[in-house]
PDB file of N, CA and C in Angstrom:
ATOM      1  N   MET A   1       0.842  -1.172   0.000  1.00  0.00           N
ATOM      2  CA  MET A   1       0.000   0.000   0.000  1.00  0.00           C
ATOM      3  C   MET A   1       0.892   1.242   0.000  1.00  0.00           C
ATOM      4  N   ALA A   2       0.567   2.182  -0.858  1.00  0.00           N
ATOM      5  CA  ALA A   2       1.335   3.419  -0.957  1.00  0.00           C
ATOM      6  C   ALA A   2       0.847   4.415   0.091  1.00  0.00           C
ATOM      7  N   ARG A   3       1.788   5.077   0.731  1.00  0.00           N
ATOM      8  CA  ARG A   3       1.467   6.099   1.724  1.00  0.00           C
ATOM      9  C   ARG A   3       2.114   7.400   1.268  1.00  0.00           C
ATOM     10  N   ILE A   4       1.275   8.380   0.990  1.00  0.00           N
ATOM     11  CA  ILE A   4       1.750   9.676   0.519  1.00  0.00           C
ATOM     12  C   ILE A   4       1.065  10.758   1.342  1.00  0.00           C
ATOM     13  N   ALA A   5       1.840  11.714   1.824  1.00  0.00           N
ATOM     14  CA  ALA A   5       1.338  12.841   2.625  1.00  0.00           C
ATOM     15  C   ALA A   5       0.554  12.362   3.841  1.00  0.00           C
ATOM     16  N   GLY A   6       0.973  11.241   4.402  1.00  0.00           N
ATOM     17  CA  GLY A   6       0.321  10.716   5.597  1.00  0.00           C
ATOM     18  C   GLY A   6      -0.988   9.999   5.340  1.00  0.00           C
ATOM     19  N   VAL A   7      -1.298   9.734   4.080  1.00  0.00           N
ATOM     20  CA  VAL A   7      -2.556   9.073   3.715  1.00  0.00           C
ATOM     21  C   VAL A   7      -2.243   7.744   3.035  1.00  0.00           C
ATOM     22  N   ASP A   8      -2.876   6.680   3.518  1.00  0.00           N
ATOM     23  CA  ASP A   8      -2.763   5.382   2.855  1.00  0.00           C
ATOM     24  C   ASP A   8      -3.698   5.382   1.655  1.00  0.00           C
ATOM     25  N   LEU A   9      -3.132   5.229   0.476  1.00  0.00           N
ATOM     26  CA  LEU A   9      -3.950   5.214  -0.735  1.00  0.00           C
ATOM     27  C   LEU A   9      -4.574   3.839  -0.912  1.00  0.00           C
ATOM     28  N   PRO A  10      -5.830   3.796  -1.373  1.00  0.00           N
ATOM     29  CA  PRO A  10      -6.472   2.497  -1.592  1.00  0.00           C
ATOM     30  C   PRO A  10      -5.731   1.701  -2.663  1.00  0.00           C
ATOM     31  N   ARG A  11      -5.587   0.420  -2.423  1.00  0.00           N
ATOM     32  CA  ARG A  11      -4.775  -0.433  -3.291  1.00  0.00           C
ATOM     33  C   ARG A  11      -5.437  -0.767  -4.623  1.00  0.00           C
ATOM     34  N   ASN A  12      -6.741  -0.893  -4.651  1.00  0.00           N
ATOM     35  CA  ASN A  12      -7.414  -1.412  -5.843  1.00  0.00           C
ATOM     36  C   ASN A  12      -7.932  -0.322  -6.778  1.00  0.00           C
ATOM     37  N   LYS A  13      -7.674   0.929  -6.477  1.00  0.00           N
ATOM     38  CA  LYS A  13      -8.168   2.018  -7.322  1.00  0.00           C
ATOM     39  C   LYS A  13      -7.074   2.479  -8.279  1.00  0.00           C
ATOM     40  N   ARG A  14      -7.505   3.126  -9.352  1.00  0.00           N
ATOM     41  CA  ARG A  14      -6.539   3.725 -10.266  1.00  0.00           C
ATOM     42  C   ARG A  14      -5.861   4.878  -9.552  1.00  0.00           C
ATOM     43  N   VAL A  15      -4.599   5.071  -9.847  1.00  0.00           N
ATOM     44  CA  VAL A  15      -3.797   6.033  -9.091  1.00  0.00           C
ATOM     45  C   VAL A  15      -4.343   7.457  -9.219  1.00  0.00           C
ATOM     46  N   GLN A  16      -4.909   7.822 -10.370  1.00  0.00           N
ATOM     47  CA  GLN A  16      -5.456   9.173 -10.502  1.00  0.00           C
ATOM     48  C   GLN A  16      -6.600   9.392  -9.522  1.00  0.00           C
ATOM     49  N   ARG A  17      -7.433   8.408  -9.329  1.00  0.00           N
ATOM     50  CA  ARG A  17      -8.542   8.511  -8.379  1.00  0.00           C
ATOM     51  C   ARG A  17      -8.036   8.357  -6.943  1.00  0.00           C
ATOM     52  N   ALA A  18      -7.069   7.498  -6.729  1.00  0.00           N
ATOM     53  CA  ALA A  18      -6.553   7.254  -5.374  1.00  0.00           C
ATOM     54  C   ALA A  18      -5.916   8.506  -4.784  1.00  0.00           C
ATOM     55  N   LEU A  19      -5.250   9.309  -5.604  1.00  0.00           N
ATOM     56  CA  LEU A  19      -4.619  10.524  -5.089  1.00  0.00           C
ATOM     57  C   LEU A  19      -5.642  11.529  -4.561  1.00  0.00           C
ATOM     58  N   THR A  20      -6.888  11.418  -4.993  1.00  0.00           N
ATOM     59  CA  THR A  20      -7.917  12.346  -4.510  1.00  0.00           C
ATOM     60  C   THR A  20      -8.290  12.072  -3.059  1.00  0.00           C
ATOM     61  N   TYR A  21      -7.817  10.988  -2.480  1.00  0.00           N
ATOM     62  CA  TYR A  21      -8.040  10.722  -1.058  1.00  0.00           C
ATOM     63  C   TYR A  21      -7.190  11.654  -0.196  1.00  0.00           C
ATOM     64  N   ILE A  22      -6.222  12.328  -0.808  1.00  0.00           N
ATOM     65  CA  ILE A  22      -5.386  13.298  -0.104  1.00  0.00           C
ATOM     66  C   ILE A  22      -6.110  14.636  -0.136  1.00  0.00           C
ATOM     67  N   TYR A  23      -6.325  15.223   1.041  1.00  0.00           N
ATOM     68  CA  TYR A  23      -7.015  16.505   1.142  1.00  0.00           C
ATOM     69  C   TYR A  23      -6.243  17.565   0.358  1.00  0.00           C
ATOM     70  N   GLY A  24      -6.928  18.213  -0.580  1.00  0.00           N
ATOM     71  CA  GLY A  24      -6.311  19.256  -1.388  1.00  0.00           C
ATOM     72  C   GLY A  24      -5.982  18.819  -2.801  1.00  0.00           C
ATOM     73  N   ILE A  25      -6.180  17.543  -3.115  1.00  0.00           N
ATOM     74  CA  ILE A  25      -5.911  17.049  -4.466  1.00  0.00           C
ATOM     75  C   ILE A  25      -7.205  16.511  -5.064  1.00  0.00           C
ATOM     76  N   GLY A  26      -7.602  17.114  -6.177  1.00  0.00           N
ATOM     77  CA  GLY A  26      -8.768  16.648  -6.910  1.00  0.00           C
ATOM     78  C   GLY A  26      -8.324  15.859  -8.134  1.00  0.00           C
ATOM     79  N   VAL A  27      -9.272  15.522  -8.974  1.00  0.00           N
ATOM     80  CA  VAL A  27      -8.966  14.707 -10.157  1.00  0.00           C
ATOM     81  C   VAL A  27      -8.044  15.456 -11.114  1.00  0.00           C
ATOM     82  N   THR A  28      -8.314  16.742 -11.341  1.00  0.00           N
ATOM     83  CA  THR A  28      -7.489  17.520 -12.263  1.00  0.00           C
ATOM     84  C   THR A  28      -6.064  17.657 -11.746  1.00  0.00           C
ATOM     85  N   LYS A  29      -5.921  18.041 -10.487  1.00  0.00           N
ATOM     86  CA  LYS A  29      -4.593  18.199  -9.882  1.00  0.00           C
ATOM     87  C   LYS A  29      -3.858  16.860  -9.875  1.00  0.00           C
ATOM     88  N   SER A  30      -4.583  15.789  -9.621  1.00  0.00           N
ATOM     89  CA  SER A  30      -3.998  14.452  -9.627  1.00  0.00           C
ATOM     90  C   SER A  30      -3.416  14.132 -11.004  1.00  0.00           C
ATOM     91  N   GLY A  31      -4.161  14.441 -12.049  1.00  0.00           N
ATOM     92  CA  GLY A  31      -3.683  14.208 -13.410  1.00  0.00           C
ATOM     93  C   GLY A  31      -2.430  15.009 -13.725  1.00  0.00           C
ATOM     94  N   GLU A  32      -2.388  16.262 -13.248  1.00  0.00           N
ATOM     95  CA  GLU A  32      -1.211  17.107 -13.469  1.00  0.00           C
ATOM     96  C   GLU A  32       0.018  16.535 -12.759  1.00  0.00           C
ATOM     97  N   ILE A  33      -0.174  16.085 -11.526  1.00  0.00           N
ATOM     98  CA  ILE A  33       0.930  15.509 -10.752  1.00  0.00           C
ATOM     99  C   ILE A  33       1.467  14.262 -11.448  1.00  0.00           C
ATOM    100  N   LEU A  34       0.560  13.401 -11.901  1.00  0.00           N
ATOM    101  CA  LEU A  34       0.982  12.165 -12.566  1.00  0.00           C
ATOM    102  C   LEU A  34       1.697  12.451 -13.883  1.00  0.00           C
ATOM    103  N   ALA A  35       1.247  13.480 -14.608  1.00  0.00           N
ATOM    104  CA  ALA A  35       1.914  13.847 -15.860  1.00  0.00           C
ATOM    105  C   ALA A  35       3.342  14.317 -15.578  1.00  0.00           C
ATOM    106  N   ARG A  36       3.522  15.140 -14.540  1.00  0.00           N
ATOM    107  CA  ARG A  36       4.864  15.613 -14.180  1.00  0.00           C
ATOM    108  C   ARG A  36       5.752  14.462 -13.719  1.00  0.00           C
ATOM    109  N   ALA A  37       5.143  13.474 -13.063  1.00  0.00           N
ATOM    110  CA  ALA A  37       5.912  12.326 -12.571  1.00  0.00           C
ATOM    111  C   ALA A  37       6.143  11.283 -13.663  1.00  0.00           C
ATOM    112  N   GLY A  38       5.436  11.407 -14.781  1.00  0.00           N
ATOM    113  CA  GLY A  38       5.580  10.441 -15.863  1.00  0.00           C
ATOM    114  C   GLY A  38       4.944   9.100 -15.553  1.00  0.00           C
ATOM    115  N   VAL A  39       3.829   9.130 -14.805  1.00  0.00           N
ATOM    116  CA  VAL A  39       3.141   7.904 -14.396  1.00  0.00           C
ATOM    117  C   VAL A  39       1.810   7.811 -15.136  1.00  0.00           C
ATOM    118  N   ASP A  40       1.501   6.636 -15.661  1.00  0.00           N
ATOM    119  CA  ASP A  40       0.232   6.382 -16.340  1.00  0.00           C
ATOM    120  C   ASP A  40      -0.911   6.506 -15.333  1.00  0.00           C
ATOM    121  N   PRO A  41      -1.900   7.392 -15.566  1.00  0.00           N
ATOM    122  CA  PRO A  41      -2.982   7.587 -14.597  1.00  0.00           C
ATOM    123  C   PRO A  41      -3.941   6.403 -14.477  1.00  0.00           C
ATOM    124  N   THR A  42      -3.887   5.465 -15.410  1.00  0.00           N
ATOM    125  CA  THR A  42      -4.815   4.334 -15.345  1.00  0.00           C
ATOM    126  C   THR A  42      -4.250   3.139 -14.589  1.00  0.00           C
ATOM    127  N   ILE A  43      -2.989   3.220 -14.181  1.00  0.00           N
ATOM    128  CA  ILE A  43      -2.381   2.107 -13.442  1.00  0.00           C
ATOM    129  C   ILE A  43      -3.003   2.031 -12.040  1.00  0.00           C
ATOM    130  N   ARG A  44      -3.115   0.836 -11.512  1.00  0.00           N
ATOM    131  CA  ARG A  44      -3.652   0.647 -10.158  1.00  0.00           C
ATOM    132  C   ARG A  44      -2.577   0.989  -9.126  1.00  0.00           C
ATOM    133  N   THR A  45      -3.006   1.498  -8.001  1.00  0.00           N
ATOM    134  CA  THR A  45      -2.073   1.880  -6.936  1.00  0.00           C
ATOM    135  C   THR A  45      -1.194   0.708  -6.537  1.00  0.00           C
ATOM    136  N   ASP A  46      -1.762  -0.464  -6.507  1.00  0.00           N
ATOM    137  CA  ASP A  46      -1.029  -1.673  -6.123  1.00  0.00           C
ATOM    138  C   ASP A  46       0.119  -1.992  -7.081  1.00  0.00           C
ATOM    139  N   ASP A  47       0.008  -1.522  -8.337  1.00  0.00           N
ATOM    140  CA  ASP A  47       1.005  -1.834  -9.358  1.00  0.00           C
ATOM    141  C   ASP A  47       2.106  -0.779  -9.485  1.00  0.00           C
ATOM    142  N   LEU A  48       2.069   0.268  -8.669  1.00  0.00           N
ATOM    143  CA  LEU A  48       3.098   1.301  -8.719  1.00  0.00           C
ATOM    144  C   LEU A  48       4.428   0.751  -8.206  1.00  0.00           C
ATOM    145  N   THR A  49       5.505   1.156  -8.851  1.00  0.00           N
ATOM    146  CA  THR A  49       6.833   0.782  -8.364  1.00  0.00           C
ATOM    147  C   THR A  49       7.249   1.762  -7.263  1.00  0.00           C
ATOM    148  N   GLN A  50       8.263   1.407  -6.512  1.00  0.00           N
ATOM    149  CA  GLN A  50       8.759   2.297  -5.454  1.00  0.00           C
ATOM    150  C   GLN A  50       9.292   3.604  -6.045  1.00  0.00           C
ATOM    151  N   ASP A  51       9.886   3.539  -7.234  1.00  0.00           N
ATOM    152  CA  ASP A  51      10.388   4.752  -7.887  1.00  0.00           C
ATOM    153  C   ASP A  51       9.246   5.687  -8.268  1.00  0.00           C
ATOM    154  N   GLN A  52       8.151   5.118  -8.778  1.00  0.00           N
ATOM    155  CA  GLN A  52       6.995   5.931  -9.138  1.00  0.00           C
ATOM    156  C   GLN A  52       6.382   6.581  -7.901  1.00  0.00           C
ATOM    157  N   ILE A  53       6.258   5.818  -6.823  1.00  0.00           N
ATOM    158  CA  ILE A  53       5.710   6.359  -5.578  1.00  0.00           C
ATOM    159  C   ILE A  53       6.602   7.487  -5.066  1.00  0.00           C
ATOM    160  N   ALA A  54       7.907   7.281  -5.105  1.00  0.00           N
ATOM    161  CA  ALA A  54       8.847   8.304  -4.641  1.00  0.00           C
ATOM    162  C   ALA A  54       8.743   9.572  -5.484  1.00  0.00           C
ATOM    163  N   SER A  55       8.573   9.415  -6.783  1.00  0.00           N
ATOM    164  CA  SER A  55       8.446  10.557  -7.679  1.00  0.00           C
ATOM    165  C   SER A  55       7.173  11.349  -7.376  1.00  0.00           C
ATOM    166  N   ILE A  56       6.066  10.646  -7.222  1.00  0.00           N
ATOM    167  CA  ILE A  56       4.791  11.297  -6.893  1.00  0.00           C
ATOM    168  C   ILE A  56       4.898  11.992  -5.541  1.00  0.00           C
ATOM    169  N   ARG A  57       5.455  11.295  -4.567  1.00  0.00           N
ATOM    170  CA  ARG A  57       5.598  11.847  -3.213  1.00  0.00           C
ATOM    171  C   ARG A  57       6.436  13.128  -3.230  1.00  0.00           C
ATOM    172  N   SER A  58       7.552  13.127  -3.964  1.00  0.00           N
ATOM    173  CA  SER A  58       8.419  14.307  -3.974  1.00  0.00           C
ATOM    174  C   SER A  58       7.732  15.499  -4.632  1.00  0.00           C
ATOM    175  N   ILE A  59       6.976  15.275  -5.689  1.00  0.00           N
ATOM    176  CA  ILE A  59       6.247  16.363  -6.344  1.00  0.00           C
ATOM    177  C   ILE A  59       5.216  16.949  -5.393  1.00  0.00           C
ATOM    178  N   ILE A  60       4.472  16.098  -4.711  1.00  0.00           N
ATOM    179  CA  ILE A  60       3.444  16.579  -3.789  1.00  0.00           C
ATOM    180  C   ILE A  60       4.079  17.334  -2.623  1.00  0.00           C
ATOM    181  N   GLU A  61       5.143  16.798  -2.052  1.00  0.00           N
ATOM    182  CA  GLU A  61       5.778  17.443  -0.900  1.00  0.00           C
ATOM    183  C   GLU A  61       6.405  18.782  -1.257  1.00  0.00           C
ATOM    184  N   LYS A  62       6.994  18.900  -2.439  1.00  0.00           N
ATOM    185  CA  LYS A  62       7.697  20.123  -2.820  1.00  0.00           C
ATOM    186  C   LYS A  62       6.784  21.190  -3.411  1.00  0.00           C
ATOM    187  N   GLU A  63       5.735  20.780  -4.127  1.00  0.00           N
ATOM    188  CA  GLU A  63       4.991  21.745  -4.926  1.00  0.00           C
ATOM    189  C   GLU A  63       3.540  21.953  -4.522  1.00  0.00           C
ATOM    190  N   GLU A  64       2.998  21.117  -3.675  1.00  0.00           N
ATOM    191  CA  GLU A  64       1.580  21.215  -3.337  1.00  0.00           C
ATOM    192  C   GLU A  64       1.380  21.408  -1.843  1.00  0.00           C
ATOM    193  N   LYS A  65       0.352  22.176  -1.486  1.00  0.00           N
ATOM    194  CA  LYS A  65      -0.068  22.265  -0.087  1.00  0.00           C
ATOM    195  C   LYS A  65      -1.212  21.289   0.080  1.00  0.00           C
ATOM    196  N   VAL A  66      -1.017  20.323   0.962  1.00  0.00           N
ATOM    197  CA  VAL A  66      -2.037  19.300   1.174  1.00  0.00           C
ATOM    198  C   VAL A  66      -2.175  18.992   2.655  1.00  0.00           C
ATOM    199  N   GLU A  67      -3.222  18.267   2.971  1.00  0.00           N
ATOM    200  CA  GLU A  67      -3.491  17.776   4.326  1.00  0.00           C
ATOM    201  C   GLU A  67      -3.360  18.870   5.376  1.00  0.00           C
ATOM    202  N   GLY A  68      -2.555  18.673   6.405  1.00  0.00           N
ATOM    203  CA  GLY A  68      -2.478  19.572   7.555  1.00  0.00           C
ATOM    204  C   GLY A  68      -2.094  20.998   7.197  1.00  0.00           C
ATOM    205  N   ASP A  69      -1.127  21.174   6.302  1.00  0.00           N
ATOM    206  CA  ASP A  69      -0.703  22.520   5.909  1.00  0.00           C
ATOM    207  C   ASP A  69      -1.851  23.287   5.263  1.00  0.00           C
ATOM    208  N   LEU A  70      -2.581  22.641   4.389  1.00  0.00           N
ATOM    209  CA  LEU A  70      -3.700  23.286   3.716  1.00  0.00           C
ATOM    210  C   LEU A  70      -4.839  23.564   4.694  1.00  0.00           C
ATOM    211  N   ARG A  71      -5.123  22.639   5.578  1.00  0.00           N
ATOM    212  CA  ARG A  71      -6.181  22.844   6.575  1.00  0.00           C
ATOM    213  C   ARG A  71      -5.858  24.038   7.475  1.00  0.00           C
ATOM    214  N   ARG A  72      -4.607  24.149   7.935  1.00  0.00           N
ATOM    215  CA  ARG A  72      -4.204  25.283   8.776  1.00  0.00           C
ATOM    216  C   ARG A  72      -4.341  26.596   8.016  1.00  0.00           C
ATOM    217  N   GLU A  73      -3.928  26.600   6.752  1.00  0.00           N
ATOM    218  CA  GLU A  73      -4.005  27.816   5.950  1.00  0.00           C
ATOM    219  C   GLU A  73      -5.454  28.248   5.755  1.00  0.00           C
ATOM    220  N   ARG A  74      -6.330  27.305   5.538  1.00  0.00           N
ATOM    221  CA  ARG A  74      -7.739  27.633   5.301  1.00  0.00           C
ATOM    222  C   ARG A  74      -8.436  28.112   6.567  1.00  0.00           C
ATOM    223  N   GLN A  75      -7.956  27.706   7.735  1.00  0.00           N
ATOM    224  CA  GLN A  75      -8.573  28.129   8.989  1.00  0.00           C
ATOM    225  C   GLN A  75      -8.267  29.585   9.316  1.00  0.00           C
ATOM    226  N   MET A  76      -7.162  30.093   8.833  1.00  0.00           N
ATOM    227  CA  MET A  76      -6.763  31.465   9.174  1.00  0.00           C
ATOM    228  C   MET A  76      -7.554  32.490   8.442  1.00  0.00           C
TER     229      MET A  76
END
């Protein structure tokens, strides 16, 4: 199971849909992230390699505000 931004992604879903389980990432943003990472959006989360997961994780951590950071920003 892939864990990105503190969220366990569902194993049986396509990665583009699975990334939407992360607060702050919708379908469109998910597609953009996968395009930058060079990952096929139709692949299942369970079939991702460790390199693909690392690439997605680094893009999200460096370029996107998600989960706790986004929640804190929205509360202010």
